[in-house]
Structures are given as C-alpha cells and as structure tokens.
Amino acid sequence: MPDHTYKIIDLVGSSSESIEDAINGALGRASETISHLDWFQVKEIRGTVSDGHVGWYQVTLGVGFQVLKPGDVHREA
C-alpha cells in the first residue's frame, strides 16, 4: 500500500431529524466539491431545544481526504 497524505477539515452538519442525517448531509455536501473523502471522526454533538424536545441536531466532524501527488491530478486541456 503506497503512502498517503491527508488533509483534515472541520464540517458542521445539521438536521431536524437525526444525528445520522446531520452526518450524511455534511458528507454529501462536501463530496460535491472535495474528492477522495476517506474517513470522518465525530468531534462534537450538540443541538437546540424546542418546547422540551430536540429542535435541531448539529454534529461537528473532522473529515480526512487524500492530498494527491502531482502525477495523480488530471487536468483538462
């Protein structure tokens, strides 16, 4: 297995439905503009309270993606 270098970014996903939806929403949105997402780590879970119940879930993620080598970058002509 070749060596890899990773960049880690923080993302915050939110959902009124669940923690899982908050995570999937953040990863789905990030995958639209960032290639080679490989892993995530939940750093923090928090939310809002509305009338004594959960209003929104917020999840802070550390997301790792591969930093490509120059030969791995495909450029359009």
N, C-alpha and C. Protein backbone atom coordinates (compact mmCIF):
# COMPACT_ATOMS: atom_id res chain seq x y z
N MET A 1 0.85 -1.18 0.00
CA MET A 1 0.00 0.00 0.00
C MET A 1 0.89 1.24 0.00
N PRO A 2 0.67 2.13 -0.96
CA PRO A 2 1.51 3.33 -1.01
C PRO A 2 1.17 4.28 0.14
N ASP A 3 2.13 5.15 0.44
CA ASP A 3 1.91 6.14 1.48
C ASP A 3 0.88 7.17 1.02
N HIS A 4 0.09 7.64 1.95
CA HIS A 4 -0.88 8.69 1.66
C HIS A 4 -0.66 9.85 2.62
N THR A 5 -0.98 11.04 2.14
CA THR A 5 -1.01 12.23 2.98
C THR A 5 -2.43 12.73 3.00
N TYR A 6 -2.90 13.11 4.19
CA TYR A 6 -4.29 13.54 4.34
C TYR A 6 -4.37 14.97 4.83
N LYS A 7 -5.41 15.64 4.40
CA LYS A 7 -5.79 16.95 4.91
C LYS A 7 -7.05 16.72 5.73
N ILE A 8 -7.16 17.37 6.89
CA ILE A 8 -8.34 17.24 7.73
C ILE A 8 -9.03 18.60 7.80
N ILE A 9 -10.34 18.58 7.54
CA ILE A 9 -11.14 19.80 7.65
C ILE A 9 -12.27 19.55 8.65
N ASP A 10 -12.78 20.61 9.23
CA ASP A 10 -13.95 20.50 10.10
C ASP A 10 -15.19 20.88 9.31
N LEU A 11 -16.23 20.09 9.48
CA LEU A 11 -17.53 20.37 8.90
C LEU A 11 -18.57 20.32 10.01
N VAL A 12 -19.63 21.08 9.87
CA VAL A 12 -20.75 21.01 10.80
C VAL A 12 -21.99 20.70 9.99
N GLY A 13 -22.60 19.55 10.28
CA GLY A 13 -23.84 19.17 9.63
C GLY A 13 -24.99 19.37 10.59
N SER A 14 -26.17 19.68 10.04
CA SER A 14 -27.33 19.86 10.90
C SER A 14 -28.54 19.17 10.29
N SER A 15 -29.45 18.77 11.16
CA SER A 15 -30.68 18.11 10.73
C SER A 15 -31.72 18.22 11.83
N SER A 16 -32.96 18.34 11.43
CA SER A 16 -34.05 18.32 12.40
C SER A 16 -34.49 16.90 12.70
N GLU A 17 -33.96 15.93 11.95
CA GLU A 17 -34.40 14.53 12.07
C GLU A 17 -33.51 13.67 12.96
N SER A 18 -32.18 13.69 12.72
CA SER A 18 -31.30 12.78 13.46
C SER A 18 -29.84 13.18 13.32
N ILE A 19 -29.04 12.60 14.21
CA ILE A 19 -27.58 12.78 14.14
C ILE A 19 -27.06 12.18 12.84
N GLU A 20 -27.56 11.01 12.48
CA GLU A 20 -27.12 10.34 11.25
C GLU A 20 -27.41 11.21 10.02
N ASP A 21 -28.59 11.84 9.97
CA ASP A 21 -28.89 12.72 8.85
C ASP A 21 -27.97 13.94 8.82
N ALA A 22 -27.60 14.44 9.99
CA ALA A 22 -26.67 15.58 10.05
C ALA A 22 -25.31 15.18 9.50
N ILE A 23 -24.83 13.99 9.85
CA ILE A 23 -23.55 13.50 9.35
C ILE A 23 -23.61 13.28 7.84
N ASN A 24 -24.65 12.58 7.39
CA ASN A 24 -24.77 12.29 5.96
C ASN A 24 -24.94 13.55 5.13
N GLY A 25 -25.65 14.54 5.67
CA GLY A 25 -25.80 15.80 4.96
C GLY A 25 -24.49 16.53 4.78
N ALA A 26 -23.69 16.58 5.84
CA ALA A 26 -22.38 17.25 5.76
C ALA A 26 -21.46 16.54 4.79
N LEU A 27 -21.41 15.21 4.87
CA LEU A 27 -20.53 14.44 3.98
C LEU A 27 -21.01 14.52 2.53
N GLY A 28 -22.31 14.46 2.33
CA GLY A 28 -22.86 14.54 0.98
C GLY A 28 -22.55 15.87 0.32
N ARG A 29 -22.73 16.94 1.07
CA ARG A 29 -22.44 18.27 0.53
C ARG A 29 -20.96 18.44 0.24
N ALA A 30 -20.11 18.00 1.16
CA ALA A 30 -18.66 18.13 0.96
C ALA A 30 -18.20 17.31 -0.24
N SER A 31 -18.81 16.15 -0.46
CA SER A 31 -18.37 15.29 -1.57
C SER A 31 -18.69 15.90 -2.94
N GLU A 32 -19.53 16.93 -2.97
CA GLU A 32 -19.83 17.61 -4.23
C GLU A 32 -18.64 18.42 -4.74
N THR A 33 -17.75 18.84 -3.83
CA THR A 33 -16.63 19.69 -4.24
C THR A 33 -15.26 19.18 -3.79
N ILE A 34 -15.22 18.14 -2.96
CA ILE A 34 -13.95 17.60 -2.47
C ILE A 34 -13.84 16.14 -2.88
N SER A 35 -12.76 15.80 -3.55
CA SER A 35 -12.53 14.42 -4.00
C SER A 35 -11.77 13.64 -2.94
N HIS A 36 -11.90 12.35 -3.00
CA HIS A 36 -11.12 11.42 -2.18
C HIS A 36 -11.39 11.55 -0.68
N LEU A 37 -12.66 11.82 -0.30
CA LEU A 37 -13.01 11.78 1.12
C LEU A 37 -12.84 10.35 1.58
N ASP A 38 -12.11 10.13 2.66
CA ASP A 38 -11.82 8.77 3.09
C ASP A 38 -12.39 8.40 4.45
N TRP A 39 -12.49 9.34 5.37
CA TRP A 39 -12.93 9.00 6.72
C TRP A 39 -13.44 10.23 7.44
N PHE A 40 -14.15 9.99 8.52
CA PHE A 40 -14.59 11.09 9.37
C PHE A 40 -14.53 10.68 10.83
N GLN A 41 -14.50 11.68 11.68
CA GLN A 41 -14.49 11.49 13.13
C GLN A 41 -15.48 12.48 13.73
N VAL A 42 -16.42 11.99 14.54
CA VAL A 42 -17.35 12.88 15.21
C VAL A 42 -16.60 13.56 16.36
N LYS A 43 -16.55 14.88 16.31
CA LYS A 43 -15.84 15.64 17.33
C LYS A 43 -16.79 16.18 18.40
N GLU A 44 -17.99 16.55 17.98
CA GLU A 44 -18.92 17.16 18.92
C GLU A 44 -20.35 16.97 18.44
N ILE A 45 -21.24 16.73 19.36
CA ILE A 45 -22.67 16.66 19.06
C ILE A 45 -23.35 17.68 19.96
N ARG A 46 -24.19 18.49 19.37
CA ARG A 46 -24.95 19.46 20.13
C ARG A 46 -26.29 19.66 19.42
N GLY A 47 -27.16 20.41 20.02
CA GLY A 47 -28.46 20.64 19.39
C GLY A 47 -29.20 21.77 20.06
N THR A 48 -30.37 22.02 19.54
CA THR A 48 -31.24 23.03 20.12
C THR A 48 -32.44 22.35 20.76
N VAL A 49 -33.01 23.06 21.72
CA VAL A 49 -34.20 22.56 22.41
C VAL A 49 -35.38 23.44 22.03
N SER A 50 -36.46 22.79 21.64
CA SER A 50 -37.69 23.50 21.28
C SER A 50 -38.86 22.83 21.98
N ASP A 51 -39.50 23.57 22.86
CA ASP A 51 -40.64 23.04 23.62
C ASP A 51 -40.31 21.74 24.34
N GLY A 52 -39.12 21.67 24.90
CA GLY A 52 -38.73 20.49 25.66
C GLY A 52 -38.29 19.30 24.83
N HIS A 53 -38.17 19.47 23.52
CA HIS A 53 -37.74 18.39 22.63
C HIS A 53 -36.59 18.87 21.74
N VAL A 54 -35.96 17.93 21.08
CA VAL A 54 -34.87 18.29 20.15
C VAL A 54 -35.45 19.09 18.99
N GLY A 55 -34.88 20.27 18.78
CA GLY A 55 -35.26 21.09 17.62
C GLY A 55 -34.39 20.76 16.43
N TRP A 56 -33.07 20.81 16.64
CA TRP A 56 -32.08 20.51 15.60
C TRP A 56 -30.90 19.78 16.22
N TYR A 57 -30.32 18.89 15.45
CA TYR A 57 -29.07 18.24 15.80
C TYR A 57 -27.97 18.93 15.02
N GLN A 58 -26.83 19.18 15.65
CA GLN A 58 -25.64 19.67 14.98
C GLN A 58 -24.48 18.75 15.34
N VAL A 59 -23.74 18.34 14.33
CA VAL A 59 -22.61 17.43 14.52
C VAL A 59 -21.38 18.04 13.87
N THR A 60 -20.32 18.21 14.66
CA THR A 60 -19.05 18.67 14.11
C THR A 60 -18.21 17.45 13.78
N LEU A 61 -17.73 17.41 12.54
CA LEU A 61 -16.94 16.29 12.03
C LEU A 61 -15.55 16.76 11.65
N GLY A 62 -14.55 15.95 11.92
CA GLY A 62 -13.25 16.08 11.30
C GLY A 62 -13.26 15.12 10.12
N VAL A 63 -13.02 15.63 8.92
CA VAL A 63 -13.10 14.81 7.70
C VAL A 63 -11.74 14.78 7.04
N GLY A 64 -11.27 13.57 6.74
CA GLY A 64 -9.97 13.41 6.11
C GLY A 64 -10.12 13.06 4.63
N PHE A 65 -9.30 13.73 3.81
CA PHE A 65 -9.25 13.39 2.39
C PHE A 65 -7.81 13.38 1.92
N GLN A 66 -7.56 12.62 0.88
CA GLN A 66 -6.20 12.44 0.39
C GLN A 66 -5.70 13.68 -0.33
N VAL A 67 -4.47 14.06 -0.04
CA VAL A 67 -3.77 15.09 -0.80
C VAL A 67 -3.09 14.35 -1.95
N LEU A 68 -3.46 14.71 -3.16
CA LEU A 68 -2.96 14.00 -4.32
C LEU A 68 -1.52 14.39 -4.65
N LYS A 69 -0.83 13.45 -5.26
CA LYS A 69 0.51 13.72 -5.77
C LYS A 69 0.36 14.40 -7.13
N PRO A 70 1.34 15.18 -7.57
CA PRO A 70 1.20 15.89 -8.85
C PRO A 70 0.82 14.97 -10.02
N GLY A 71 1.34 13.77 -10.06
CA GLY A 71 1.03 12.85 -11.15
C GLY A 71 -0.38 12.30 -11.11
N ASP A 72 -1.07 12.46 -9.96
CA ASP A 72 -2.43 11.96 -9.81
C ASP A 72 -3.49 12.97 -10.24
N VAL A 73 -3.08 14.21 -10.47
CA VAL A 73 -4.02 15.27 -10.83
C VAL A 73 -4.26 15.23 -12.32
N HIS A 74 -5.52 15.14 -12.70
CA HIS A 74 -5.89 15.13 -14.12
C HIS A 74 -6.34 16.52 -14.51
N ARG A 75 -5.70 17.06 -15.51
CA ARG A 75 -6.03 18.41 -15.96
C ARG A 75 -6.65 18.34 -17.33
N GLU A 76 -7.69 19.17 -17.51
CA GLU A 76 -8.35 19.22 -18.81
C GLU A 76 -7.55 20.13 -19.72
N ALA A 77 -7.49 19.74 -20.97
CA ALA A 77 -6.73 20.51 -21.95
C ALA A 77 -7.52 21.66 -22.49
